[in-house]
């Protein structure tokens, strides 16, 4: 059954893209479920970090489920509806105030590559394989989506992976700046868990303000909400967590932040 599976462990929530028979290819229903899934985690104050992963060890996401294309993308109107659902899914991790980390094993292709690009951080195993095959399928890729890649890996790397549609490995993804770290497969989950633990210990309002500022900087100037970005910083200084951070520093102990 193709579905999204949400797991919680303390302050960390993991969203699994599960369609193992098709290397976690994403169905239309799965794309459509992403915004509500992340909105629920956004609303849960116990969650500090979200991890995105694929079911099993063979694939992160192998792209959209091509078997649905004829039925769901066969006309201009159907294509527009499908693209709208996918773009909403891509925006969901970007709009989430909490850090979203892609934990990548195995195949990360097409829609999987696009969704990973929409996450804040990307860690991968040394067995990861990446590809943007749009040119092999005759698909048009939206300018917004292309810019999303440019924000992560720059214009030249973006052009090259789209023009050639070739596969590239974990080390090249690291060299491009697409992933932050490459780990042996057996160590990937633990490394991501350690990073999540570090984030979860920090002041949520500060983390959210930093993420929002990063997201605004990547937008066109006319689209930026810098007033909100400034308000979020001001809220950090006015928060109980700021008082707790100062007090913990003076008392030489670990702070206990509540997000207020």
Protein backbone atom coordinates (compact mmCIF):
# COMPACT_ATOMS: atom_id res chain seq x y z
CA UNK A 1 0.00 0.00 0.00
CA UNK A 2 1.39 3.39 -1.01
CA UNK A 3 1.14 5.76 1.94
CA UNK A 4 2.84 8.23 4.24
CA UNK A 5 3.71 6.83 7.66
CA UNK A 6 4.35 9.16 10.58
CA UNK A 7 6.45 7.98 13.52
CA UNK A 8 7.25 9.91 16.68
CA UNK A 9 10.17 9.44 19.07
CA UNK A 10 10.43 12.17 21.66
CA UNK A 11 10.88 15.53 19.96
CA UNK A 12 11.57 13.98 16.55
CA UNK A 13 8.91 12.99 14.03
CA UNK A 14 9.77 10.87 11.00
CA UNK A 15 7.64 10.84 7.87
CA UNK A 16 8.21 7.75 5.76
CA UNK A 17 7.33 7.67 2.08
CA UNK A 18 6.18 4.07 1.82
CA UNK A 19 5.67 2.35 -1.52
CA UNK A 20 8.39 -0.31 -1.32
CA UNK A 21 7.18 -2.36 -4.31
CA UNK A 22 7.91 0.68 -6.50
CA UNK A 23 11.02 1.97 -4.70
CA UNK A 24 8.85 4.48 -2.81
CA UNK A 25 7.49 6.11 -5.95
CA UNK A 26 5.03 8.80 -4.91
CA UNK A 27 1.39 8.46 -5.91
CA UNK A 28 -0.95 11.41 -6.37
CA UNK A 29 -2.61 10.59 -3.04
CA UNK A 30 0.78 10.60 -1.31
CA UNK A 31 1.68 13.99 -2.79
CA UNK A 32 -1.71 15.29 -1.69
CA UNK A 33 -1.21 14.00 1.87
CA UNK A 34 2.11 15.75 2.45
CA UNK A 35 0.81 19.25 3.39
CA UNK A 36 -1.67 17.95 5.97
CA UNK A 37 0.91 15.55 7.41
CA UNK A 38 3.46 18.31 7.96
CA UNK A 39 0.78 20.73 9.17
CA UNK A 40 -0.14 18.24 11.91
CA UNK A 41 3.50 18.04 13.00
CA UNK A 42 3.78 21.83 12.84
CA UNK A 43 0.82 22.05 15.25
CA UNK A 44 2.29 19.53 17.72
CA UNK A 45 4.40 21.45 20.29
CA UNK A 46 6.16 18.24 21.31
CA UNK A 47 7.76 17.96 17.86
CA UNK A 48 10.95 19.98 17.38
CA UNK A 49 12.41 18.36 14.24
CA UNK A 50 10.97 16.45 11.27
CA UNK A 51 12.87 13.76 9.35
CA UNK A 52 11.83 12.68 5.85
CA UNK A 53 12.87 9.19 4.76
CA UNK A 54 11.89 6.36 2.46
CA UNK A 55 10.62 2.98 3.62
CA UNK A 56 13.42 0.39 3.64
CA UNK A 57 17.02 0.71 2.54
CA UNK A 58 16.72 0.67 -1.26
CA UNK A 59 15.24 4.08 -1.96
CA UNK A 60 14.51 7.47 -0.49
CA UNK A 61 11.99 8.36 -3.20
CA UNK A 62 12.35 7.07 -6.75
CA UNK A 63 10.20 9.87 -8.15
CA UNK A 64 6.53 10.18 -9.01
CA UNK A 65 4.59 7.01 -9.79
CA UNK A 66 4.86 7.00 -13.58
CA UNK A 67 2.13 4.38 -13.89
CA UNK A 68 -0.37 7.12 -12.97
CA UNK A 69 0.83 9.61 -15.59
CA UNK A 70 -1.45 8.55 -18.43
CA UNK A 71 -4.55 8.79 -16.26
CA UNK A 72 -3.61 11.75 -14.06
CA UNK A 73 -1.41 13.81 -16.38
CA UNK A 74 -2.85 12.95 -19.78
CA UNK A 75 -4.52 16.30 -20.46
CA UNK A 76 -3.50 19.90 -19.87
CA UNK A 77 -6.10 20.28 -17.13
CA UNK A 78 -5.09 17.03 -15.43
CA UNK A 79 -1.42 18.02 -15.68
CA UNK A 80 -2.17 21.36 -14.04
CA UNK A 81 -3.98 19.67 -11.13
CA UNK A 82 -1.17 17.15 -10.68
CA UNK A 83 1.51 19.83 -10.76
CA UNK A 84 -0.43 21.90 -8.23
CA UNK A 85 -0.52 18.97 -5.79
CA UNK A 86 3.20 18.33 -6.22
CA UNK A 87 4.10 21.99 -5.70
CA UNK A 88 2.02 22.13 -2.53
CA UNK A 89 3.93 19.07 -1.31
CA UNK A 90 7.26 20.75 -2.09
CA UNK A 91 6.22 23.92 -0.25
CA UNK A 92 5.16 22.04 2.88
CA UNK A 93 8.66 21.42 4.32
CA UNK A 94 9.70 24.95 3.38
CA UNK A 95 6.69 26.50 5.12
CA UNK A 96 7.02 24.33 8.22
CA UNK A 97 8.61 26.43 10.98
CA UNK A 98 10.50 23.39 12.28
CA UNK A 99 13.68 22.05 10.70
CA UNK A 100 13.03 19.32 8.12
CA UNK A 101 15.87 16.91 7.38
CA UNK A 102 15.97 14.50 4.43
CA UNK A 103 17.58 11.17 5.37
CA UNK A 104 18.54 9.66 2.02
CA UNK A 105 19.37 6.03 1.31
CA UNK A 106 19.59 4.45 -2.11
CA UNK A 107 17.64 5.94 -4.98
CA UNK A 108 16.77 9.64 -4.91
CA UNK A 109 15.46 10.53 -8.34
CA UNK A 110 13.09 13.00 -9.97
CA UNK A 111 10.37 13.95 -7.51
CA UNK A 112 12.51 12.52 -4.73
CA UNK A 113 15.36 14.83 -5.67
CA UNK A 114 12.93 17.75 -5.84
CA UNK A 115 11.42 16.97 -2.46
CA UNK A 116 14.85 16.59 -0.87
CA UNK A 117 15.80 19.99 -2.30
CA UNK A 118 12.81 21.49 -0.47
CA UNK A 119 14.06 20.23 2.90
CA UNK A 120 16.36 22.30 5.10
CA UNK A 121 19.15 19.75 5.41
CA UNK A 122 20.05 16.60 3.52
CA UNK A 123 22.16 13.72 4.88
CA UNK A 124 22.79 10.69 2.70
CA UNK A 125 24.31 7.24 2.84
CA UNK A 126 27.29 6.43 0.68
CA UNK A 127 25.04 4.17 -1.41
CA UNK A 128 22.77 7.03 -2.50
CA UNK A 129 22.17 7.58 -6.21
CA UNK A 130 20.75 10.84 -7.54
CA UNK A 131 19.21 11.85 -10.85
CA UNK A 132 16.94 14.47 -12.41
CA UNK A 133 15.43 12.58 -15.39
CA UNK A 134 12.90 15.17 -16.60
CA UNK A 135 14.66 15.50 -19.97
CA UNK A 136 14.42 11.72 -20.46
CA UNK A 137 10.66 11.85 -19.93
CA UNK A 138 9.90 15.01 -21.90
CA UNK A 139 8.60 16.70 -18.76
CA UNK A 140 8.68 20.43 -18.29
CA UNK A 141 10.09 21.42 -14.91
CA UNK A 142 8.63 24.56 -13.37
CA UNK A 143 10.79 27.68 -13.08
CA UNK A 144 10.02 27.69 -9.36
CA UNK A 145 11.35 24.16 -9.06
CA UNK A 146 14.49 24.99 -11.06
CA UNK A 147 15.15 27.97 -8.81
CA UNK A 148 14.78 25.72 -5.77
CA UNK A 149 17.68 23.65 -7.06
CA UNK A 150 19.67 26.78 -7.88
CA UNK A 151 19.26 27.95 -4.29
CA UNK A 152 20.84 24.71 -3.11
CA UNK A 153 23.51 23.83 -5.71
CA UNK A 154 23.91 26.95 -7.85
CA UNK A 155 23.09 27.71 -11.47
CA UNK A 156 25.84 25.70 -13.19
CA UNK A 157 25.22 22.48 -11.25
CA UNK A 158 21.46 22.87 -11.74
CA UNK A 159 21.88 23.33 -15.48
CA UNK A 160 24.19 20.33 -15.72
CA UNK A 161 21.96 17.84 -13.89
CA UNK A 162 18.90 18.97 -15.89
CA UNK A 163 20.65 19.09 -19.27
CA UNK A 164 22.33 15.69 -18.98
CA UNK A 165 19.75 13.82 -16.86
CA UNK A 166 22.67 11.70 -15.70
CA UNK A 167 23.06 9.83 -12.43
CA UNK A 168 25.48 11.13 -9.80
CA UNK A 169 26.67 9.58 -6.58
CA UNK A 170 26.85 10.64 -2.94
CA UNK A 171 30.32 12.16 -3.14
CA UNK A 172 29.37 14.31 -6.12
CA UNK A 173 26.19 15.37 -4.31
CA UNK A 174 28.41 16.44 -1.40
CA UNK A 175 30.75 18.31 -3.74
CA UNK A 176 27.80 20.16 -5.29
CA UNK A 177 26.51 21.08 -1.86
CA UNK A 178 23.28 19.16 -2.29
CA UNK A 179 23.93 17.11 0.85
CA UNK A 180 25.59 18.27 4.07
CA UNK A 181 27.10 14.92 5.00
CA UNK A 182 27.75 11.49 3.50
CA UNK A 183 27.79 8.58 5.94
CA UNK A 184 28.32 4.84 5.68
CA UNK A 185 24.85 3.36 5.32
CA UNK A 186 25.03 1.69 8.74
CA UNK A 187 25.75 5.05 10.40
CA UNK A 188 23.25 7.29 8.58
CA UNK A 189 20.27 6.88 10.90
CA UNK A 190 22.38 7.47 14.01
CA UNK A 191 24.06 10.55 12.53
CA UNK A 192 20.68 12.07 11.66
CA UNK A 193 19.37 11.20 15.13
CA UNK A 194 22.35 12.95 16.74
CA UNK A 195 21.76 16.08 14.66
CA UNK A 196 18.07 16.01 15.55
CA UNK A 197 18.95 15.72 19.24
CA UNK A 198 21.18 18.79 19.01
CA UNK A 199 18.42 20.79 17.31
CA UNK A 200 15.76 19.59 19.74
CA UNK A 201 17.80 20.86 22.71
CA UNK A 202 17.83 24.40 21.34
CA UNK A 203 15.31 27.22 21.72
CA UNK A 204 12.47 26.53 19.24
CA UNK A 205 11.69 30.22 18.68
CA UNK A 206 15.31 30.93 17.75
CA UNK A 207 15.44 27.97 15.37
CA UNK A 208 12.16 29.01 13.75
CA UNK A 209 13.34 32.61 13.36
CA UNK A 210 16.55 31.45 11.70
CA UNK A 211 14.69 29.14 9.31
CA UNK A 212 12.22 31.87 8.38
CA UNK A 213 15.06 34.33 7.71
CA UNK A 214 16.81 31.83 5.45
CA UNK A 215 13.59 31.19 3.52
CA UNK A 216 12.99 34.93 3.04
CA UNK A 217 16.53 35.49 1.80
CA UNK A 218 15.94 32.93 -0.96
CA UNK A 219 12.86 34.77 -2.26
CA UNK A 220 12.66 37.69 -4.65
CA UNK A 221 12.86 40.97 -2.69
CA UNK A 222 9.24 41.85 -3.47
CA UNK A 223 8.06 38.55 -1.99
CA UNK A 224 9.98 38.77 1.28
CA UNK A 225 8.25 39.34 4.60
CA UNK A 226 11.13 40.94 6.46
CA UNK A 227 8.77 42.59 8.93
CA UNK A 228 7.73 39.14 10.15
CA UNK A 229 11.36 38.04 10.23
CA UNK A 230 12.18 40.99 12.50
CA UNK A 231 9.16 40.29 14.71
CA UNK A 232 10.28 36.70 15.14
CA UNK A 233 13.69 37.89 16.32
CA UNK A 234 12.07 40.35 18.72
CA UNK A 235 9.88 37.54 20.07
CA UNK A 236 13.02 35.54 20.84
CA UNK A 237 14.40 38.36 23.01
CA UNK A 238 11.04 38.76 24.78
CA UNK A 239 10.57 35.04 25.41
CA UNK A 240 10.77 32.99 28.58
CA UNK A 241 13.29 30.83 26.73
CA UNK A 242 15.67 33.79 26.43
CA UNK A 243 15.49 34.26 30.20
CA UNK A 244 16.02 30.53 30.67
CA UNK A 245 19.03 30.57 28.33
CA UNK A 246 20.69 33.41 30.24
CA UNK A 247 19.95 31.81 33.60
CA UNK A 248 21.25 28.40 32.51
CA UNK A 249 24.44 29.99 31.19
CA UNK A 250 25.08 31.75 34.51
CA UNK A 251 24.30 28.59 36.45
CA UNK A 252 26.49 26.48 34.13
CA UNK A 253 23.75 23.99 33.33
CA UNK A 254 21.89 22.79 30.25
CA UNK A 255 18.89 25.01 29.46
CA UNK A 256 15.36 23.61 29.34
CA UNK A 257 13.47 25.39 26.57
CA UNK A 258 9.69 25.31 26.17
CA UNK A 259 9.16 27.32 22.99
CA UNK A 260 7.57 30.22 24.87
